[in-house]
Amino acid sequence: MPAEAELLERLMHELPVSLATYAAPARVGLVIVDEVNGFCTVGAGNLAPQQPDAPIARMVAETDRLARRFVERRLPVLAFLDTHEPGKPEPPYPPHCERGTGEEDLVPELAWLAENPDVTLIRKDCINGFVGAIEPAAVRGIHGASHNRCVDWVNGHRLESIITVGICTDICVMDFVLTMLSARNHGLMPTLGDIVVLEPACATYHLPRAAAEQLGLPCTAAHPREHTHHMGLYFMASRGAILAGELAGI
């Protein structure tokens, strides 16, 4: 057995995850993380796939199918769009998803969401969507006041559950989910119970160590897809997220 496959097998054995069928409540919302051209459309930028990518294509198709079901039922949808100001890259990554390049826009399959009144779009300038949703608030007499658009979205709809999908499983999706779990536990969203990650609608990128070194990158840039996807799922579940393989009731 190749060493990479053996490592994955050991990882899945020692750090197992379990996917459930999740029965969604009536007050459920969908959160889509960064399914934008700069991460998902072939050749669209420094962090986009350079050739057709089956896991990313599956994620986009699953997201589109699920989003249409939510919209048909007038259920709320929130989509994060990774968006950076020109000349302000997000270390340690190269310039990507800069405003005005088109990389920061939803992939063509999901572009219809931008025109739907039941969809909330939040452009974020950092990995963590929860942090990216913090905006200044105009409070007379108070300097530096802020509010969080994601918290407002959950509380405004009195959501009992959110279904999270998107890219990358172990980076932007995981950061958002882990922070939402802490924010929920801290009581910022009193109605929110379940934070769910739908595995078939999540994906991450593939950069084996050998490929990273051939590109002149340090070995620490290695990012084998199956391993990192699994690790992201494991850490989210270990903090209290529900991992779902399919949904019921939507």
Protein backbone atom coordinates (compact mmCIF):
# COMPACT_ATOMS: atom_id res chain seq x y z
CA MET A 1 0.00 0.00 0.00
CA PRO A 2 1.42 3.46 -0.90
CA ALA A 3 2.56 5.48 2.11
CA GLU A 4 -0.02 8.22 1.50
CA ALA A 5 -2.89 5.73 1.38
CA GLU A 6 -1.57 3.96 4.47
CA LEU A 7 -1.40 7.25 6.36
CA LEU A 8 -5.00 8.05 5.39
CA GLU A 9 -6.17 4.63 6.51
CA ARG A 10 -4.44 5.03 9.87
CA LEU A 11 -5.80 8.54 10.26
CA MET A 12 -9.38 7.42 9.63
CA HIS A 13 -8.93 4.50 12.01
CA GLU A 14 -7.38 6.47 14.86
CA LEU A 15 -9.51 9.62 14.38
CA PRO A 16 -12.84 8.26 13.15
CA VAL A 17 -15.78 10.40 12.09
CA SER A 18 -19.39 9.39 11.59
CA LEU A 19 -21.86 10.90 9.13
CA ALA A 20 -25.50 11.00 10.18
CA THR A 21 -28.80 11.59 8.42
CA TYR A 22 -29.83 14.93 9.85
CA ALA A 23 -33.52 15.75 10.29
CA ALA A 24 -33.72 19.51 9.89
CA PRO A 25 -36.17 21.52 12.02
CA ALA A 26 -38.60 24.03 10.55
CA ARG A 27 -36.36 27.01 11.33
CA VAL A 28 -33.20 26.06 9.51
CA GLY A 29 -30.78 28.18 7.50
CA LEU A 30 -28.14 27.37 4.91
CA VAL A 31 -24.63 28.86 5.08
CA ILE A 32 -22.48 28.66 1.93
CA VAL A 33 -18.78 29.35 2.45
CA ASP A 34 -16.65 30.82 -0.35
CA GLU A 35 -17.95 28.97 -3.41
CA VAL A 36 -16.46 31.69 -5.59
CA ASN A 37 -14.55 31.65 -8.86
CA GLY A 38 -11.20 32.24 -7.19
CA PHE A 39 -11.46 28.94 -5.32
CA CYS A 40 -13.68 26.83 -7.57
CA THR A 41 -13.53 27.84 -11.25
CA VAL A 42 -10.75 26.26 -13.32
CA GLY A 43 -7.99 28.74 -14.09
CA ALA A 44 -9.70 31.64 -12.33
CA GLY A 45 -6.78 32.65 -10.11
CA ASN A 46 -3.83 31.73 -7.92
CA LEU A 47 -5.92 29.54 -5.62
CA ALA A 48 -8.35 28.17 -8.22
CA PRO A 49 -8.02 24.62 -9.58
CA GLN A 50 -5.86 24.45 -12.67
CA GLN A 51 -7.81 21.58 -14.21
CA PRO A 52 -11.28 20.06 -13.75
CA ASP A 53 -11.65 18.98 -10.13
CA ALA A 54 -14.26 16.31 -9.35
CA PRO A 55 -14.64 16.95 -5.57
CA ILE A 56 -15.09 20.68 -6.12
CA ALA A 57 -17.57 20.06 -8.94
CA ARG A 58 -19.52 17.71 -6.66
CA MET A 59 -19.56 20.31 -3.89
CA VAL A 60 -20.92 23.00 -6.23
CA ALA A 61 -23.59 20.67 -7.64
CA GLU A 62 -24.70 19.58 -4.15
CA THR A 63 -24.77 23.19 -2.97
CA ASP A 64 -26.85 24.28 -5.96
CA ARG A 65 -29.33 21.44 -5.42
CA LEU A 66 -29.67 22.21 -1.72
CA ALA A 67 -29.87 25.99 -2.17
CA ARG A 68 -32.72 25.59 -4.66
CA ARG A 69 -34.62 23.50 -2.13
CA PHE A 70 -34.12 26.17 0.52
CA VAL A 71 -35.22 28.98 -1.78
CA GLU A 72 -38.29 27.04 -2.93
CA ARG A 73 -39.36 26.76 0.71
CA ARG A 74 -38.46 30.40 1.47
CA LEU A 75 -35.84 29.29 3.97
CA PRO A 76 -32.98 31.73 4.65
CA VAL A 77 -29.63 31.35 2.90
CA LEU A 78 -26.38 33.16 3.73
CA ALA A 79 -23.38 33.08 1.39
CA PHE A 80 -19.88 34.21 2.30
CA LEU A 81 -17.79 35.60 -0.56
CA ASP A 82 -14.04 35.81 -0.01
CA THR A 83 -13.23 39.38 -1.09
CA HIS A 84 -9.96 41.24 -0.63
CA GLU A 85 -8.98 44.78 -1.48
CA PRO A 86 -6.32 44.99 -4.23
CA GLY A 87 -2.82 44.96 -2.82
CA LYS A 88 -3.90 43.51 0.52
CA PRO A 89 -3.29 39.76 0.27
CA GLU A 90 -4.19 37.41 3.08
CA PRO A 91 -0.95 35.89 4.42
CA PRO A 92 0.34 33.27 3.85
CA TYR A 93 -1.58 32.99 0.57
CA PRO A 94 -0.80 34.75 -2.72
CA PRO A 95 -3.18 37.45 -4.00
CA HIS A 96 -6.62 35.98 -4.61
CA CYS A 97 -10.28 36.94 -4.80
CA GLU A 98 -9.45 40.63 -5.10
CA ARG A 99 -12.36 43.01 -5.51
CA GLY A 100 -13.07 43.76 -9.16
CA THR A 101 -11.32 40.71 -10.61
CA GLY A 102 -14.39 38.45 -10.75
CA GLU A 103 -12.61 35.89 -8.59
CA GLU A 104 -14.63 37.15 -5.63
CA ASP A 105 -17.99 36.37 -7.25
CA LEU A 106 -20.10 33.24 -6.91
CA VAL A 107 -19.36 30.47 -9.40
CA PRO A 108 -21.65 30.54 -12.46
CA GLU A 109 -23.75 27.64 -11.14
CA LEU A 110 -24.59 29.67 -8.03
CA ALA A 111 -24.70 33.18 -9.51
CA TRP A 112 -28.51 33.11 -9.35
CA LEU A 113 -28.30 33.37 -5.56
CA ALA A 114 -27.10 36.97 -5.79
CA GLU A 115 -30.45 38.05 -7.23
CA ASN A 116 -32.66 36.23 -4.71
CA PRO A 117 -34.26 38.28 -1.91
CA ASP A 118 -34.04 35.38 0.54
CA VAL A 119 -30.25 35.21 0.22
CA THR A 120 -27.88 37.30 2.33
CA LEU A 121 -24.42 37.91 0.86
CA ILE A 122 -21.50 38.76 3.14
CA ARG A 123 -18.16 39.68 1.62
CA LYS A 124 -15.32 38.79 3.98
CA ASP A 125 -11.67 39.79 3.94
CA CYS A 126 -10.31 37.02 6.15
CA ILE A 127 -10.48 33.24 6.50
CA ASN A 128 -12.97 33.27 9.35
CA GLY A 129 -16.44 34.22 8.12
CA PHE A 130 -17.69 34.96 11.62
CA VAL A 131 -14.96 37.57 12.06
CA GLY A 132 -15.48 38.81 8.50
CA ALA A 133 -19.13 39.44 9.33
CA ILE A 134 -18.23 42.02 12.00
CA GLU A 135 -19.07 45.52 10.78
CA PRO A 136 -19.04 48.99 12.34
CA ALA A 137 -22.31 50.02 13.94
CA ALA A 138 -23.50 53.61 14.07
CA VAL A 139 -24.17 54.15 17.77
CA ARG A 140 -24.37 57.77 18.78
CA GLY A 141 -21.85 58.70 21.42
CA ILE A 142 -19.97 55.38 21.23
CA HIS A 143 -16.71 55.04 19.33
CA GLY A 144 -15.78 51.68 17.82
CA ALA A 145 -19.17 49.99 18.21
CA SER A 146 -19.81 47.00 15.95
CA HIS A 147 -22.31 44.28 15.18
CA ASN A 148 -22.06 40.87 13.53
CA ARG A 149 -24.17 40.34 10.40
CA CYS A 150 -24.08 36.56 10.77
CA VAL A 151 -25.32 36.71 14.36
CA ASP A 152 -28.00 39.18 13.27
CA TRP A 153 -29.05 36.80 10.46
CA VAL A 154 -29.43 33.85 12.83
CA ASN A 155 -31.27 35.87 15.46
CA GLY A 156 -33.45 37.70 12.96
CA HIS A 157 -34.76 34.41 11.57
CA ARG A 158 -34.79 32.74 15.02
CA LEU A 159 -32.91 29.83 13.53
CA GLU A 160 -32.74 26.57 15.43
CA SER A 161 -30.17 25.03 13.10
CA ILE A 162 -27.75 25.95 10.35
CA ILE A 163 -26.46 23.69 7.57
CA THR A 164 -22.91 24.62 6.51
CA VAL A 165 -21.35 23.81 3.13
CA GLY A 166 -18.43 25.08 1.09
CA ILE A 167 -14.68 25.29 0.69
CA CYS A 168 -12.19 24.60 2.20
CA THR A 169 -13.36 21.97 4.67
CA ASP A 170 -10.30 22.37 6.89
CA ILE A 171 -9.78 26.12 6.47
CA CYS A 172 -12.65 28.58 5.92
CA VAL A 173 -15.45 26.11 6.68
CA MET A 174 -13.75 24.85 9.83
CA ASP A 175 -12.84 28.31 11.15
CA PHE A 176 -16.42 29.49 10.69
CA VAL A 177 -17.99 26.41 12.28
CA LEU A 178 -15.66 26.36 15.29
CA THR A 179 -16.27 30.05 15.99
CA MET A 180 -20.03 29.66 15.57
CA LEU A 181 -19.99 26.82 18.08
CA SER A 182 -18.27 29.04 20.64
CA ALA A 183 -20.57 31.97 19.87
CA ARG A 184 -23.59 29.70 20.31
CA ASN A 185 -22.26 28.33 23.59
CA HIS A 186 -21.63 31.90 24.75
CA GLY A 187 -25.32 32.67 24.25
CA LEU A 188 -25.03 35.11 21.35
CA MET A 189 -27.72 33.24 19.39
CA PRO A 190 -30.28 31.97 21.93
CA THR A 191 -32.44 29.97 19.51
CA LEU A 192 -29.55 28.22 17.74
CA GLY A 193 -29.07 24.58 18.61
CA ASP A 194 -27.47 22.46 15.90
CA ILE A 195 -24.56 23.52 13.73
CA VAL A 196 -24.39 20.97 10.92
CA VAL A 197 -21.71 20.32 8.30
CA LEU A 198 -22.99 18.56 5.17
CA GLU A 199 -19.98 16.54 4.04
CA PRO A 200 -21.00 15.88 0.40
CA ALA A 201 -21.23 19.64 -0.13
CA CYS A 202 -17.77 20.42 1.27
CA ALA A 203 -14.40 20.20 -0.45
CA THR A 204 -10.79 21.24 -0.11
CA TYR A 205 -7.81 21.50 -2.45
CA HIS A 206 -5.13 18.94 -3.28
CA LEU A 207 -1.41 19.78 -3.09
CA PRO A 208 0.76 16.75 -2.25
CA ARG A 209 4.18 17.42 -0.74
CA ALA A 210 6.01 16.42 -3.93
CA ALA A 211 3.92 18.83 -6.00
CA ALA A 212 4.48 21.65 -3.51
CA GLU A 213 8.24 21.16 -3.66
CA GLN A 214 8.20 21.05 -7.47
CA LEU A 215 6.50 24.45 -7.40
CA GLY A 216 9.28 25.79 -5.21
CA LEU A 217 7.08 25.96 -2.14
CA PRO A 218 8.24 24.90 1.32
CA CYS A 219 7.35 21.37 2.36
CA THR A 220 4.99 22.84 4.95
CA ALA A 221 2.72 23.94 2.09
CA ALA A 222 1.78 20.29 1.50
CA HIS A 223 -1.97 19.76 1.62
CA PRO A 224 -3.11 16.24 0.67
CA ARG A 225 -6.84 16.55 0.05
CA GLU A 226 -8.24 13.38 1.63
CA HIS A 227 -6.20 13.79 4.80
CA THR A 228 -6.96 17.47 5.36
CA HIS A 229 -10.65 17.05 4.50
CA HIS A 230 -10.88 14.27 7.10
CA MET A 231 -8.99 16.29 9.70
CA GLY A 232 -11.31 19.25 9.20
CA LEU A 233 -14.34 17.03 9.72
CA TYR A 234 -12.78 15.45 12.80
CA PHE A 235 -11.97 18.74 14.51
CA MET A 236 -15.41 20.21 13.80
CA ALA A 237 -17.13 17.12 15.20
CA SER A 238 -14.83 17.07 18.24
CA ARG A 239 -15.99 20.60 19.12
CA GLY A 240 -19.70 19.78 18.82
CA ALA A 241 -20.67 20.13 15.15
CA ILE A 242 -22.97 17.53 13.64
CA LEU A 243 -21.54 15.84 10.53
CA ALA A 244 -24.21 14.86 8.02
CA GLY A 245 -24.05 12.66 4.97
CA GLU A 246 -27.59 13.54 3.97
CA LEU A 247 -30.52 15.65 5.10
CA ALA A 248 -34.12 14.78 5.89
CA GLY A 249 -37.02 17.18 6.12
CA ILE A 250 -35.82 19.68 3.52
